[in-house]
């Protein structure tokens, strides 16, 4: 798709501790990356794959995440989306120092601070009311100064009260001492996401990263929590899941489109990662999609 929507960004210039952003889709701003700020990330449109540390899973409208400082993350919309989306996600980034200051000044904020510590692994707030989440995001977006801070704190308090918090990344990922190594691994991750149908070898990936194969393998495991071959297979299975619920194409066809050379290898990896066969997944995903459509009608 050639249309690239511009990033819509709202920034409170007087309050650097909090930043609000919105992204459309498609966009060239979507990439696997990490930063020092916490990030609250609400998906408002499209389905796809969430990458949070070593976690790779599905997302859909209403999914709400919290990522901690320096935890790599990305949200990639499935290719089946045919029309541009003006607001795919809404997010708030905020600094660790601002949270520490609140906790020191107000002891009642200590519980929220504990939740933020858990965000080092990434949190998915399962079942959080999507309408409420969007309302909180809009309140942060539409206010300035102290009112924005109050809206932000109210949202954090509500999130802390939410019972269903799912920790995502099993491995506490370590950043390479040389920041450029992280950037080069990120380049390889983005390349895999874009070119998962192709033959992808460790040697090819190491060449892209400008490293020896041994150095690349060690750094890739450290940064992503997966070895390279396992990561590629996870991406391919994730892409196959999107095709299974979005099309009626035969499973053998989807296997090839996802980058697998034979159906037996595809079925084996799919069962290992999803705990069900591709046909069982298609049936379950479509039932879930139908029930959501009925609930929203």
Protein backbone atom coordinates (compact mmCIF):
# COMPACT_ATOMS: atom_id res chain seq x y z
CA UNK A 1 0.00 0.00 0.00
CA UNK A 2 1.51 3.31 -1.06
CA UNK A 3 -0.55 5.67 1.12
CA UNK A 4 1.35 6.67 4.24
CA UNK A 5 -0.67 8.64 6.77
CA UNK A 6 1.20 11.26 8.77
CA UNK A 7 1.70 10.74 12.46
CA UNK A 8 -0.64 12.87 14.55
CA UNK A 9 1.19 14.02 17.62
CA UNK A 10 -0.07 16.12 20.51
CA UNK A 11 2.64 17.30 22.90
CA UNK A 12 2.28 19.43 26.00
CA UNK A 13 5.29 21.68 25.47
CA UNK A 14 5.26 22.85 29.10
CA UNK A 15 5.13 19.34 30.61
CA UNK A 16 7.96 17.21 29.31
CA UNK A 17 7.20 14.34 31.70
CA UNK A 18 4.05 13.35 29.74
CA UNK A 19 3.65 13.07 25.98
CA UNK A 20 0.52 12.04 24.07
CA UNK A 21 0.60 10.61 20.54
CA UNK A 22 -1.72 9.06 17.95
CA UNK A 23 -0.75 6.98 14.93
CA UNK A 24 -2.64 6.21 11.75
CA UNK A 25 -2.05 3.17 9.60
CA UNK A 26 -0.10 2.51 7.47
CA UNK A 27 2.83 4.52 8.77
CA UNK A 28 6.59 4.39 8.47
CA UNK A 29 6.79 5.21 12.19
CA UNK A 30 5.91 1.63 13.11
CA UNK A 31 9.14 -0.14 14.03
CA UNK A 32 10.63 -2.37 16.72
CA UNK A 33 12.21 -0.02 19.23
CA UNK A 34 12.83 0.81 22.90
CA UNK A 35 12.99 4.06 24.87
CA UNK A 36 13.55 5.26 28.41
CA UNK A 37 9.91 6.26 29.02
CA UNK A 38 7.00 4.12 30.16
CA UNK A 39 4.32 3.78 27.49
CA UNK A 40 0.55 3.27 27.80
CA UNK A 41 -0.61 1.99 24.42
CA UNK A 42 -4.28 1.59 23.41
CA UNK A 43 -5.23 -0.08 20.13
CA UNK A 44 -8.33 1.58 18.65
CA UNK A 45 -8.48 -0.03 15.18
CA UNK A 46 -7.15 -3.09 13.29
CA UNK A 47 -5.83 -6.49 14.32
CA UNK A 48 -2.27 -7.68 14.25
CA UNK A 49 0.75 -8.80 16.21
CA UNK A 50 2.12 -7.26 19.39
CA UNK A 51 5.86 -7.54 20.10
CA UNK A 52 6.75 -6.76 23.72
CA UNK A 53 10.15 -8.01 24.85
CA UNK A 54 10.18 -11.72 24.06
CA UNK A 55 6.36 -11.80 23.82
CA UNK A 56 4.63 -12.15 20.45
CA UNK A 57 0.82 -12.23 20.52
CA UNK A 58 -2.36 -11.07 18.86
CA UNK A 59 -3.92 -7.66 19.35
CA UNK A 60 -7.29 -6.20 18.37
CA UNK A 61 -9.26 -3.01 19.07
CA UNK A 62 -9.50 -2.30 22.78
CA UNK A 63 -6.24 -3.97 23.79
CA UNK A 64 -4.36 -1.85 26.32
CA UNK A 65 -0.68 -2.29 27.16
CA UNK A 66 1.88 -0.77 29.51
CA UNK A 67 5.56 -1.12 28.68
CA UNK A 68 8.41 -0.20 30.99
CA UNK A 69 11.66 1.68 30.34
CA UNK A 70 13.92 0.20 27.65
CA UNK A 71 11.54 -2.71 26.92
CA UNK A 72 11.51 -3.24 23.12
CA UNK A 73 8.04 -3.20 21.58
CA UNK A 74 6.07 -2.82 18.37
CA UNK A 75 2.52 -3.31 17.11
CA UNK A 76 2.21 -4.50 13.50
CA UNK A 77 -1.19 -4.45 11.80
CA UNK A 78 -2.09 -7.45 9.64
CA UNK A 79 -1.68 -7.01 5.91
CA UNK A 80 -5.37 -7.78 5.38
CA UNK A 81 -6.25 -4.18 6.27
CA UNK A 82 -7.26 -2.69 2.91
CA UNK A 83 -8.15 0.88 3.83
CA UNK A 84 -6.05 3.52 5.62
CA UNK A 85 -6.92 4.03 9.29
CA UNK A 86 -6.76 7.54 10.73
CA UNK A 87 -6.29 6.55 14.38
CA UNK A 88 -4.97 3.04 14.92
CA UNK A 89 -3.57 3.66 18.39
CA UNK A 90 -3.44 6.22 21.18
CA UNK A 91 -0.50 6.32 23.56
CA UNK A 92 1.00 8.20 26.46
CA UNK A 93 4.70 8.21 27.29
CA UNK A 94 5.88 9.30 30.72
CA UNK A 95 9.17 9.40 32.57
CA UNK A 96 10.40 7.23 35.41
CA UNK A 97 11.52 10.29 37.36
CA UNK A 98 7.99 11.72 37.41
CA UNK A 99 6.64 8.48 38.88
CA UNK A 100 9.39 8.36 41.50
CA UNK A 101 8.63 11.94 42.51
CA UNK A 102 4.95 11.11 43.01
CA UNK A 103 5.78 8.03 45.08
CA UNK A 104 8.15 10.01 47.30
CA UNK A 105 5.71 12.88 47.79
CA UNK A 106 2.55 10.79 48.26
CA UNK A 107 2.84 7.45 50.03
CA UNK A 108 -0.62 6.48 48.70
CA UNK A 109 0.96 6.28 45.24
CA UNK A 110 3.19 3.38 46.28
CA UNK A 111 0.69 0.77 44.99
CA UNK A 112 0.72 2.32 41.54
CA UNK A 113 4.50 2.37 41.66
CA UNK A 114 4.47 -1.40 42.23
CA UNK A 115 2.38 -1.84 39.07
CA UNK A 116 4.87 0.24 37.14
CA UNK A 117 7.71 -1.98 38.38
CA UNK A 118 5.86 -4.94 36.86
CA UNK A 119 5.73 -3.04 33.57
CA UNK A 120 9.40 -3.90 33.10
CA UNK A 121 8.01 -7.13 31.63
CA UNK A 122 5.13 -5.42 29.83
CA UNK A 123 1.50 -5.61 30.97
CA UNK A 124 -1.69 -6.37 29.02
CA UNK A 125 -4.80 -5.16 30.86
CA UNK A 126 -7.13 -7.98 29.86
CA UNK A 127 -10.81 -7.06 29.67
CA UNK A 128 -10.31 -3.38 30.47
CA UNK A 129 -13.31 -1.44 29.15
CA UNK A 130 -12.19 -0.03 25.79
CA UNK A 131 -14.63 2.89 25.94
CA UNK A 132 -13.31 3.94 29.36
CA UNK A 133 -9.71 3.54 28.18
CA UNK A 134 -10.33 5.76 25.16
CA UNK A 135 -12.09 8.31 27.37
CA UNK A 136 -9.07 8.49 29.67
CA UNK A 137 -6.73 8.87 26.69
CA UNK A 138 -8.87 11.64 25.23
CA UNK A 139 -8.93 13.43 28.58
CA UNK A 140 -5.13 13.40 28.70
CA UNK A 141 -4.98 14.58 25.10
CA UNK A 142 -7.50 17.39 25.52
CA UNK A 143 -6.16 18.91 28.76
CA UNK A 144 -3.02 20.87 29.42
CA UNK A 145 -0.85 21.61 32.44
CA UNK A 146 -2.06 20.43 35.87
CA UNK A 147 -5.35 19.12 34.44
CA UNK A 148 -3.44 16.81 32.12
CA UNK A 149 -1.41 15.50 35.06
CA UNK A 150 -4.60 14.86 37.05
CA UNK A 151 -6.19 13.04 34.10
CA UNK A 152 -3.06 10.93 33.75
CA UNK A 153 -2.99 10.02 37.45
CA UNK A 154 -6.69 9.07 37.40
CA UNK A 155 -5.97 6.69 34.53
CA UNK A 156 -3.05 5.09 36.38
CA UNK A 157 -5.22 4.60 39.49
CA UNK A 158 -7.95 2.90 37.45
CA UNK A 159 -5.39 0.64 35.80
CA UNK A 160 -3.91 -0.32 39.14
CA UNK A 161 -7.38 -1.29 40.39
CA UNK A 162 -7.96 -3.53 37.36
CA UNK A 163 -7.64 -7.17 38.42
CA UNK A 164 -6.64 -8.85 35.16
CA UNK A 165 -3.05 -7.80 34.51
CA UNK A 166 -1.11 -10.18 32.30
CA UNK A 167 2.68 -9.98 32.36
CA UNK A 168 4.03 -10.50 28.86
CA UNK A 169 7.80 -10.83 28.53
CA UNK A 170 9.18 -13.86 30.34
CA UNK A 171 12.78 -12.75 29.93
CA UNK A 172 14.04 -9.52 31.45
CA UNK A 173 15.85 -8.40 28.34
CA UNK A 174 19.27 -6.82 28.71
CA UNK A 175 20.42 -3.99 26.50
CA UNK A 176 23.82 -4.46 24.83
CA UNK A 177 26.46 -2.14 26.28
CA UNK A 178 26.85 -0.59 22.83
CA UNK A 179 23.57 1.10 21.89
CA UNK A 180 24.33 0.70 18.19
CA UNK A 181 24.10 -3.09 18.63
CA UNK A 182 20.50 -2.72 19.81
CA UNK A 183 19.75 -0.56 16.78
CA UNK A 184 21.22 -3.12 14.39
CA UNK A 185 19.24 -5.96 15.98
CA UNK A 186 16.16 -3.75 15.58
CA UNK A 187 16.98 -3.40 11.89
CA UNK A 188 17.06 -7.18 11.55
CA UNK A 189 13.75 -7.55 13.42
CA UNK A 190 12.10 -5.05 11.10
CA UNK A 191 13.59 -6.86 8.09
CA UNK A 192 12.16 -10.19 9.24
CA UNK A 193 8.70 -8.68 9.81
CA UNK A 194 8.74 -7.24 6.26
CA UNK A 195 10.34 -10.24 4.51
CA UNK A 196 9.10 -13.27 6.46
CA UNK A 197 8.10 -15.08 3.23
CA UNK A 198 11.70 -15.25 2.04
CA UNK A 199 14.42 -17.71 2.94
CA UNK A 200 16.04 -16.19 6.03
CA UNK A 201 19.30 -17.50 7.42
CA UNK A 202 21.41 -16.58 10.42
CA UNK A 203 24.24 -15.66 8.05
CA UNK A 204 22.02 -13.28 6.10
CA UNK A 205 20.75 -11.68 9.30
CA UNK A 206 24.28 -11.34 10.68
CA UNK A 207 25.35 -9.62 7.46
CA UNK A 208 22.48 -7.13 7.78
CA UNK A 209 23.54 -6.42 11.36
CA UNK A 210 27.21 -6.15 10.37
CA UNK A 211 28.25 -8.82 12.87
CA UNK A 212 29.81 -12.26 12.83
CA UNK A 213 27.26 -15.08 13.11
CA UNK A 214 28.36 -15.91 16.66
CA UNK A 215 28.17 -12.29 17.82
CA UNK A 216 24.83 -11.77 16.09
CA UNK A 217 23.29 -14.92 17.60
CA UNK A 218 24.40 -13.91 21.09
CA UNK A 219 23.11 -10.32 20.73
CA UNK A 220 19.85 -11.37 19.08
CA UNK A 221 19.07 -13.75 21.94
CA UNK A 222 19.92 -11.06 24.49
CA UNK A 223 17.79 -8.35 22.88
CA UNK A 224 14.75 -10.37 21.75
CA UNK A 225 14.69 -13.34 24.13
CA UNK A 226 14.57 -15.75 21.17
CA UNK A 227 17.11 -17.38 18.93
CA UNK A 228 16.86 -16.21 15.33
CA UNK A 229 15.21 -19.31 13.83
CA UNK A 230 12.59 -19.43 16.60
CA UNK A 231 11.83 -15.73 16.12
CA UNK A 232 11.33 -16.15 12.36
CA UNK A 233 8.96 -19.07 12.91
CA UNK A 234 6.97 -17.07 15.46
CA UNK A 235 6.57 -14.23 12.97
CA UNK A 236 5.46 -16.64 10.24
CA UNK A 237 2.94 -18.38 12.49
CA UNK A 238 1.61 -14.99 13.57
CA UNK A 239 1.16 -13.92 9.95
CA UNK A 240 -0.57 -17.22 9.21
CA UNK A 241 -3.03 -16.60 12.05
CA UNK A 242 -4.05 -13.32 10.47
CA UNK A 243 -4.63 -15.00 7.12
CA UNK A 244 -6.60 -17.85 8.70
CA UNK A 245 -9.30 -15.63 10.20
CA UNK A 246 -9.29 -13.01 7.41
CA UNK A 247 -9.50 -15.25 4.33
CA UNK A 248 -10.96 -18.51 3.08
CA UNK A 249 -7.71 -19.57 1.42
CA UNK A 250 -6.80 -23.26 1.86
CA UNK A 251 -4.45 -23.97 4.75
CA UNK A 252 -1.80 -25.29 2.35
CA UNK A 253 -1.90 -21.98 0.48
CA UNK A 254 -1.61 -20.00 3.70
CA UNK A 255 1.32 -22.16 4.76
CA UNK A 256 3.22 -21.13 1.64
CA UNK A 257 2.25 -17.48 1.94
CA UNK A 258 3.54 -17.48 5.50
CA UNK A 259 6.97 -18.64 4.35
CA UNK A 260 6.87 -22.37 5.12
CA UNK A 261 8.27 -24.73 2.53
CA UNK A 262 5.94 -27.64 3.33
CA UNK A 263 2.62 -28.14 5.09
CA UNK A 264 3.95 -30.70 7.58
CA UNK A 265 6.52 -28.25 8.94
CA UNK A 266 3.86 -25.54 9.14
CA UNK A 267 1.42 -27.79 11.02
CA UNK A 268 4.12 -28.88 13.46
CA UNK A 269 5.19 -25.34 14.35
CA UNK A 270 1.59 -24.11 14.49
CA UNK A 271 0.52 -26.82 16.94
CA UNK A 272 3.60 -26.21 19.11
CA UNK A 273 3.01 -22.44 19.35
CA UNK A 274 -0.79 -22.26 19.40
CA UNK A 275 -1.75 -25.56 21.02
CA UNK A 276 -4.21 -26.32 18.22
CA UNK A 277 -4.23 -27.08 14.52
CA UNK A 278 -4.60 -24.32 11.90
CA UNK A 279 -8.18 -25.41 11.12
CA UNK A 280 -9.08 -25.39 14.83
CA UNK A 281 -7.57 -21.92 15.16
CA UNK A 282 -9.56 -20.63 12.17
CA UNK A 283 -12.81 -21.93 13.63
CA UNK A 284 -12.10 -20.50 17.10
CA UNK A 285 -10.96 -17.11 15.76
CA UNK A 286 -14.04 -16.72 13.58
CA UNK A 287 -16.38 -17.66 16.41
CA UNK A 288 -14.69 -15.05 18.57
CA UNK A 289 -14.92 -12.43 15.82
CA UNK A 290 -18.61 -13.23 15.25
CA UNK A 291 -19.45 -12.98 18.95
CA UNK A 292 -17.70 -9.59 19.16
CA UNK A 293 -19.57 -8.35 16.09
CA UNK A 294 -22.88 -9.46 17.60
CA UNK A 295 -22.06 -7.76 20.91
CA UNK A 296 -21.24 -4.47 19.16
CA UNK A 297 -24.29 -4.50 16.87
